[in-house]
Amino acid sequence: MVVKTEKTVGYRWKIDFNGRAKHSWHNPPNLANPIGYCDDFERVPDHEQDDNNAHLIVKRSWDIALVPIKQVPMNMFVMWMTGNTLSLFPIIMTVMMFKTPLTSLLSYKTTFQKLEGSHHILQKLVYVLSHLLLIAMALWKCNAMGLLPIHPSDWIAFELPKERTEFASGGTILMS
């Protein structure tokens, strides 16, 4: 019986995973260390590493606490852009200005639960106060739109509603 041997063509880009290469990872060639490499490094003490971790936890908790304050300028811009008319878009934006801070206030414990320790009282206070600021802005927007019942005529039947002193119209004169 004749056994036929196959001749393999040796390519430079071919990698032989079955055999052992000249320079495997277990037997590296003698190369010089790269620039800046040092074999005799000093190990960082654990207490310094713990201090660094505590600093990072406090920094992360402040980052979480300041997220609502960063939303204030954007909400002010949206309030200005939507105007004070009673139409669909301003009402939807006003509802979202109420909904977002309320849902965040109801889930503030899960927001700070990711962080370890119980030293986040000031950060939680800033987080809650900034959400209350966002709710106050939404209330101001509702008042500007005329949705809040703040006049006596809204509550008392015999009280007359406020009379407007000026009327504006596009191009026509209104006589009263």
C-alpha atoms as a PDB file:
ATOM      1  CA  MET A   1       0.000   0.000   0.000  1.00  0.00           C
ATOM      2  CA  VAL A   2       1.316   3.356  -1.001  1.00  0.00           C
ATOM      3  CA  VAL A   3       0.709   6.294   1.273  1.00  0.00           C
ATOM      4  CA  LYS A   4       0.372   9.535  -0.545  1.00  0.00           C
ATOM      5  CA  THR A   5       1.925  12.491   1.192  1.00  0.00           C
ATOM      6  CA  GLU A   6       0.600  15.924   0.570  1.00  0.00           C
ATOM      7  CA  LYS A   7       3.037  18.701   0.127  1.00  0.00           C
ATOM      8  CA  THR A   8       2.026  21.852   1.973  1.00  0.00           C
ATOM      9  CA  VAL A   9       3.007  25.176   0.608  1.00  0.00           C
ATOM     10  CA  GLY A  10       4.637  27.379   3.211  1.00  0.00           C
ATOM     11  CA  TYR A  11       3.219  30.893   3.226  1.00  0.00           C
ATOM     12  CA  ARG A  12       4.704  33.637   5.326  1.00  0.00           C
ATOM     13  CA  TRP A  13       1.271  34.637   6.616  1.00  0.00           C
ATOM     14  CA  LYS A  14       0.284  31.098   7.572  1.00  0.00           C
ATOM     15  CA  ILE A  15       0.127  30.371  11.290  1.00  0.00           C
ATOM     16  CA  ASP A  16       0.577  26.833  12.481  1.00  0.00           C
ATOM     17  CA  PHE A  17      -1.525  26.325  15.595  1.00  0.00           C
ATOM     18  CA  ASN A  18      -0.758  22.617  15.825  1.00  0.00           C
ATOM     19  CA  GLY A  19       2.981  22.791  16.044  1.00  0.00           C
ATOM     20  CA  ARG A  20       5.220  24.714  18.352  1.00  0.00           C
ATOM     21  CA  ALA A  21       6.530  27.970  16.964  1.00  0.00           C
ATOM     22  CA  LYS A  22      10.069  29.167  17.352  1.00  0.00           C
ATOM     23  CA  HIS A  23       9.084  31.887  19.800  1.00  0.00           C
ATOM     24  CA  SER A  24       5.983  30.920  21.706  1.00  0.00           C
ATOM     25  CA  TRP A  25       4.501  32.916  24.547  1.00  0.00           C
ATOM     26  CA  HIS A  26       5.830  30.395  27.039  1.00  0.00           C
ATOM     27  CA  ASN A  27       9.341  30.722  25.740  1.00  0.00           C
ATOM     28  CA  PRO A  28       9.792  34.363  24.654  1.00  0.00           C
ATOM     29  CA  PRO A  29      12.947  35.490  22.887  1.00  0.00           C
ATOM     30  CA  ASN A  30      15.482  37.550  24.753  1.00  0.00           C
ATOM     31  CA  LEU A  31      14.341  41.063  24.020  1.00  0.00           C
ATOM     32  CA  ALA A  32      15.251  44.244  25.807  1.00  0.00           C
ATOM     33  CA  ASN A  33      12.631  45.811  28.051  1.00  0.00           C
ATOM     34  CA  PRO A  34      10.713  48.697  26.511  1.00  0.00           C
ATOM     35  CA  ILE A  35      11.629  52.263  27.406  1.00  0.00           C
ATOM     36  CA  GLY A  36      10.208  53.230  30.778  1.00  0.00           C
ATOM     37  CA  TYR A  37       9.651  49.642  31.969  1.00  0.00           C
ATOM     38  CA  CYS A  38      10.872  48.936  35.468  1.00  0.00           C
ATOM     39  CA  ASP A  39      11.007  45.514  37.115  1.00  0.00           C
ATOM     40  CA  ASP A  40      11.451  46.799  40.647  1.00  0.00           C
ATOM     41  CA  PHE A  41       8.323  48.900  41.121  1.00  0.00           C
ATOM     42  CA  GLU A  42       6.979  49.733  44.547  1.00  0.00           C
ATOM     43  CA  ARG A  43       3.559  48.475  45.408  1.00  0.00           C
ATOM     44  CA  VAL A  44       1.015  51.167  46.338  1.00  0.00           C
ATOM     45  CA  PRO A  45      -0.062  50.709  49.947  1.00  0.00           C
ATOM     46  CA  ASP A  46      -3.646  49.569  50.398  1.00  0.00           C
ATOM     47  CA  HIS A  47      -4.623  52.548  52.577  1.00  0.00           C
ATOM     48  CA  GLU A  48      -3.689  54.971  49.757  1.00  0.00           C
ATOM     49  CA  GLN A  49      -5.772  52.932  47.343  1.00  0.00           C
ATOM     50  CA  ASP A  50      -8.724  53.006  49.780  1.00  0.00           C
ATOM     51  CA  ASP A  51      -8.409  56.792  50.063  1.00  0.00           C
ATOM     52  CA  ASN A  52      -8.422  57.038  46.291  1.00  0.00           C
ATOM     53  CA  ASN A  53     -11.537  54.838  46.082  1.00  0.00           C
ATOM     54  CA  ALA A  54     -13.298  56.955  48.718  1.00  0.00           C
ATOM     55  CA  HIS A  55     -12.423  60.085  46.743  1.00  0.00           C
ATOM     56  CA  LEU A  56     -13.838  58.513  43.566  1.00  0.00           C
ATOM     57  CA  ILE A  57     -17.052  57.508  45.366  1.00  0.00           C
ATOM     58  CA  VAL A  58     -17.557  61.064  46.645  1.00  0.00           C
ATOM     59  CA  LYS A  59     -16.841  62.466  43.181  1.00  0.00           C
ATOM     60  CA  ARG A  60     -19.324  60.058  41.598  1.00  0.00           C
ATOM     61  CA  SER A  61     -21.999  60.942  44.168  1.00  0.00           C
ATOM     62  CA  TRP A  62     -21.541  64.657  43.407  1.00  0.00           C
ATOM     63  CA  ASP A  63     -21.805  63.907  39.691  1.00  0.00           C
ATOM     64  CA  ILE A  64     -25.137  62.181  40.315  1.00  0.00           C
ATOM     65  CA  ALA A  65     -26.364  64.976  42.601  1.00  0.00           C
ATOM     66  CA  LEU A  66     -25.608  67.735  40.075  1.00  0.00           C
ATOM     67  CA  VAL A  67     -27.333  66.131  37.074  1.00  0.00           C
ATOM     68  CA  PRO A  68     -30.702  67.879  37.706  1.00  0.00           C
ATOM     69  CA  ILE A  69     -29.047  71.290  38.035  1.00  0.00           C
ATOM     70  CA  LYS A  70     -27.532  70.785  34.593  1.00  0.00           C
ATOM     71  CA  GLN A  71     -31.080  70.347  33.235  1.00  0.00           C
ATOM     72  CA  VAL A  72     -32.229  73.793  34.429  1.00  0.00           C
ATOM     73  CA  PRO A  73     -30.844  75.835  31.494  1.00  0.00           C
ATOM     74  CA  MET A  74     -32.309  73.408  28.958  1.00  0.00           C
ATOM     75  CA  ASN A  75     -35.717  73.500  30.653  1.00  0.00           C
ATOM     76  CA  MET A  76     -35.629  77.298  30.684  1.00  0.00           C
ATOM     77  CA  PHE A  77     -34.874  77.316  26.957  1.00  0.00           C
ATOM     78  CA  VAL A  78     -37.716  74.859  26.263  1.00  0.00           C
ATOM     79  CA  MET A  79     -40.113  76.970  28.360  1.00  0.00           C
ATOM     80  CA  TRP A  80     -39.168  80.053  26.366  1.00  0.00           C
ATOM     81  CA  MET A  81     -39.480  78.259  23.017  1.00  0.00           C
ATOM     82  CA  THR A  82     -42.909  76.746  23.714  1.00  0.00           C
ATOM     83  CA  GLY A  83     -44.547  80.043  24.638  1.00  0.00           C
ATOM     84  CA  ASN A  84     -47.605  80.568  26.842  1.00  0.00           C
ATOM     85  CA  THR A  85     -50.366  79.460  24.498  1.00  0.00           C
ATOM     86  CA  LEU A  86     -52.661  76.564  25.281  1.00  0.00           C
ATOM     87  CA  SER A  87     -51.817  74.178  22.503  1.00  0.00           C
ATOM     88  CA  LEU A  88     -50.635  70.604  22.316  1.00  0.00           C
ATOM     89  CA  PHE A  89     -46.869  71.087  22.262  1.00  0.00           C
ATOM     90  CA  PRO A  90     -46.577  73.477  25.268  1.00  0.00           C
ATOM     91  CA  ILE A  91     -48.899  71.291  27.332  1.00  0.00           C
ATOM     92  CA  ILE A  92     -46.863  68.166  26.536  1.00  0.00           C
ATOM     93  CA  MET A  93     -43.639  69.952  27.441  1.00  0.00           C
ATOM     94  CA  THR A  94     -45.131  71.208  30.707  1.00  0.00           C
ATOM     95  CA  VAL A  95     -46.335  67.708  31.614  1.00  0.00           C
ATOM     96  CA  MET A  96     -42.863  66.352  30.919  1.00  0.00           C
ATOM     97  CA  MET A  97     -41.370  69.085  33.112  1.00  0.00           C
ATOM     98  CA  PHE A  98     -43.515  67.721  35.955  1.00  0.00           C
ATOM     99  CA  LYS A  99     -43.108  64.033  35.187  1.00  0.00           C
ATOM    100  CA  THR A 100     -39.303  63.838  34.955  1.00  0.00           C
ATOM    101  CA  PRO A 101     -38.461  65.375  38.365  1.00  0.00           C
ATOM    102  CA  LEU A 102     -41.302  63.556  40.126  1.00  0.00           C
ATOM    103  CA  THR A 103     -40.206  60.140  38.879  1.00  0.00           C
ATOM    104  CA  SER A 104     -36.608  60.961  39.794  1.00  0.00           C
ATOM    105  CA  LEU A 105     -37.638  62.058  43.282  1.00  0.00           C
ATOM    106  CA  LEU A 106     -39.585  58.861  43.808  1.00  0.00           C
ATOM    107  CA  SER A 107     -36.572  56.762  42.827  1.00  0.00           C
ATOM    108  CA  TYR A 108     -33.759  58.699  44.484  1.00  0.00           C
ATOM    109  CA  LYS A 109     -32.905  55.801  46.807  1.00  0.00           C
ATOM    110  CA  THR A 110     -32.187  53.505  43.883  1.00  0.00           C
ATOM    111  CA  THR A 111     -30.125  56.265  42.283  1.00  0.00           C
ATOM    112  CA  PHE A 112     -27.819  56.510  45.285  1.00  0.00           C
ATOM    113  CA  GLN A 113     -28.011  52.796  46.108  1.00  0.00           C
ATOM    114  CA  LYS A 114     -25.296  52.084  43.547  1.00  0.00           C
ATOM    115  CA  LEU A 115     -22.841  53.968  45.716  1.00  0.00           C
ATOM    116  CA  GLU A 116     -21.406  52.452  48.848  1.00  0.00           C
ATOM    117  CA  GLY A 117     -21.685  53.929  52.298  1.00  0.00           C
ATOM    118  CA  SER A 118     -24.115  56.279  53.968  1.00  0.00           C
ATOM    119  CA  HIS A 119     -22.143  59.536  53.763  1.00  0.00           C
ATOM    120  CA  HIS A 120     -24.126  60.955  50.844  1.00  0.00           C
ATOM    121  CA  ILE A 121     -26.566  63.091  52.856  1.00  0.00           C
ATOM    122  CA  LEU A 122     -25.436  66.436  51.406  1.00  0.00           C
ATOM    123  CA  GLN A 123     -25.465  65.031  47.874  1.00  0.00           C
ATOM    124  CA  LYS A 124     -28.982  63.646  48.378  1.00  0.00           C
ATOM    125  CA  LEU A 125     -30.125  67.028  49.695  1.00  0.00           C
ATOM    126  CA  VAL A 126     -28.715  68.818  46.633  1.00  0.00           C
ATOM    127  CA  TYR A 127     -30.330  66.198  44.373  1.00  0.00           C
ATOM    128  CA  VAL A 128     -33.762  66.620  45.977  1.00  0.00           C
ATOM    129  CA  LEU A 129     -33.576  70.437  46.085  1.00  0.00           C
ATOM    130  CA  SER A 130     -32.585  70.657  42.440  1.00  0.00           C
ATOM    131  CA  HIS A 131     -35.551  68.463  41.469  1.00  0.00           C
ATOM    132  CA  LEU A 132     -37.807  70.690  43.567  1.00  0.00           C
ATOM    133  CA  LEU A 133     -36.409  73.647  41.625  1.00  0.00           C
ATOM    134  CA  LEU A 134     -37.385  71.926  38.368  1.00  0.00           C
ATOM    135  CA  ILE A 135     -40.917  71.343  39.718  1.00  0.00           C
ATOM    136  CA  ALA A 136     -41.131  75.011  40.747  1.00  0.00           C
ATOM    137  CA  MET A 137     -40.154  76.002  37.208  1.00  0.00           C
ATOM    138  CA  ALA A 138     -42.924  73.781  35.836  1.00  0.00           C
ATOM    139  CA  LEU A 139     -45.416  75.405  38.234  1.00  0.00           C
ATOM    140  CA  TRP A 140     -44.300  78.849  37.071  1.00  0.00           C
ATOM    141  CA  LYS A 141     -44.864  77.736  33.472  1.00  0.00           C
ATOM    142  CA  CYS A 142     -48.386  76.548  34.354  1.00  0.00           C
ATOM    143  CA  ASN A 143     -49.073  79.908  35.988  1.00  0.00           C
ATOM    144  CA  ALA A 144     -47.808  81.766  32.903  1.00  0.00           C
ATOM    145  CA  MET A 145     -50.098  79.632  30.732  1.00  0.00           C
ATOM    146  CA  GLY A 146     -53.040  80.419  33.000  1.00  0.00           C
ATOM    147  CA  LEU A 147     -53.580  76.847  34.160  1.00  0.00           C
ATOM    148  CA  LEU A 148     -53.249  77.437  37.908  1.00  0.00           C
ATOM    149  CA  PRO A 149     -56.360  78.620  39.790  1.00  0.00           C
ATOM    150  CA  ILE A 150     -54.815  81.529  41.703  1.00  0.00           C
ATOM    151  CA  HIS A 151     -57.511  84.216  41.291  1.00  0.00           C
ATOM    152  CA  PRO A 152     -60.555  84.422  43.569  1.00  0.00           C
ATOM    153  CA  SER A 153     -62.843  84.130  40.530  1.00  0.00           C
ATOM    154  CA  ASP A 154     -61.523  80.620  40.011  1.00  0.00           C
ATOM    155  CA  TRP A 155     -62.945  79.514  43.368  1.00  0.00           C
ATOM    156  CA  ILE A 156     -65.875  81.809  44.166  1.00  0.00           C
ATOM    157  CA  ALA A 157     -68.913  81.863  41.893  1.00  0.00           C
ATOM    158  CA  PHE A 158     -70.023  85.462  42.591  1.00  0.00           C
ATOM    159  CA  GLU A 159     -66.522  86.931  42.056  1.00  0.00           C
ATOM    160  CA  LEU A 160     -66.001  88.418  38.610  1.00  0.00           C
ATOM    161  CA  PRO A 161     -62.973  87.320  36.605  1.00  0.00           C
ATOM    162  CA  LYS A 162     -60.123  89.736  36.071  1.00  0.00           C
ATOM    163  CA  GLU A 163     -60.746  92.191  33.240  1.00  0.00           C
ATOM    164  CA  ARG A 164     -58.036  92.680  30.698  1.00  0.00           C
ATOM    165  CA  THR A 165     -56.788  96.192  30.312  1.00  0.00           C
ATOM    166  CA  GLU A 166     -55.319  95.696  26.858  1.00  0.00           C
ATOM    167  CA  PHE A 167     -56.277  93.748  23.792  1.00  0.00           C
ATOM    168  CA  ALA A 168     -53.923  92.937  20.986  1.00  0.00           C
ATOM    169  CA  SER A 169     -54.843  91.794  17.543  1.00  0.00           C
ATOM    170  CA  GLY A 170     -53.127  91.426  14.239  1.00  0.00           C
ATOM    171  CA  GLY A 171     -53.881  94.453  12.085  1.00  0.00           C
ATOM    172  CA  THR A 172     -57.412  95.331  13.251  1.00  0.00           C
ATOM    173  CA  ILE A 173     -58.647  97.832  15.798  1.00  0.00           C
ATOM    174  CA  LEU A 174     -60.923  96.449  18.458  1.00  0.00           C
ATOM    175  CA  MET A 175     -63.440  98.786  20.047  1.00  0.00           C
ATOM    176  CA  SER A 176     -64.656  97.965  23.504  1.00  0.00           C
END
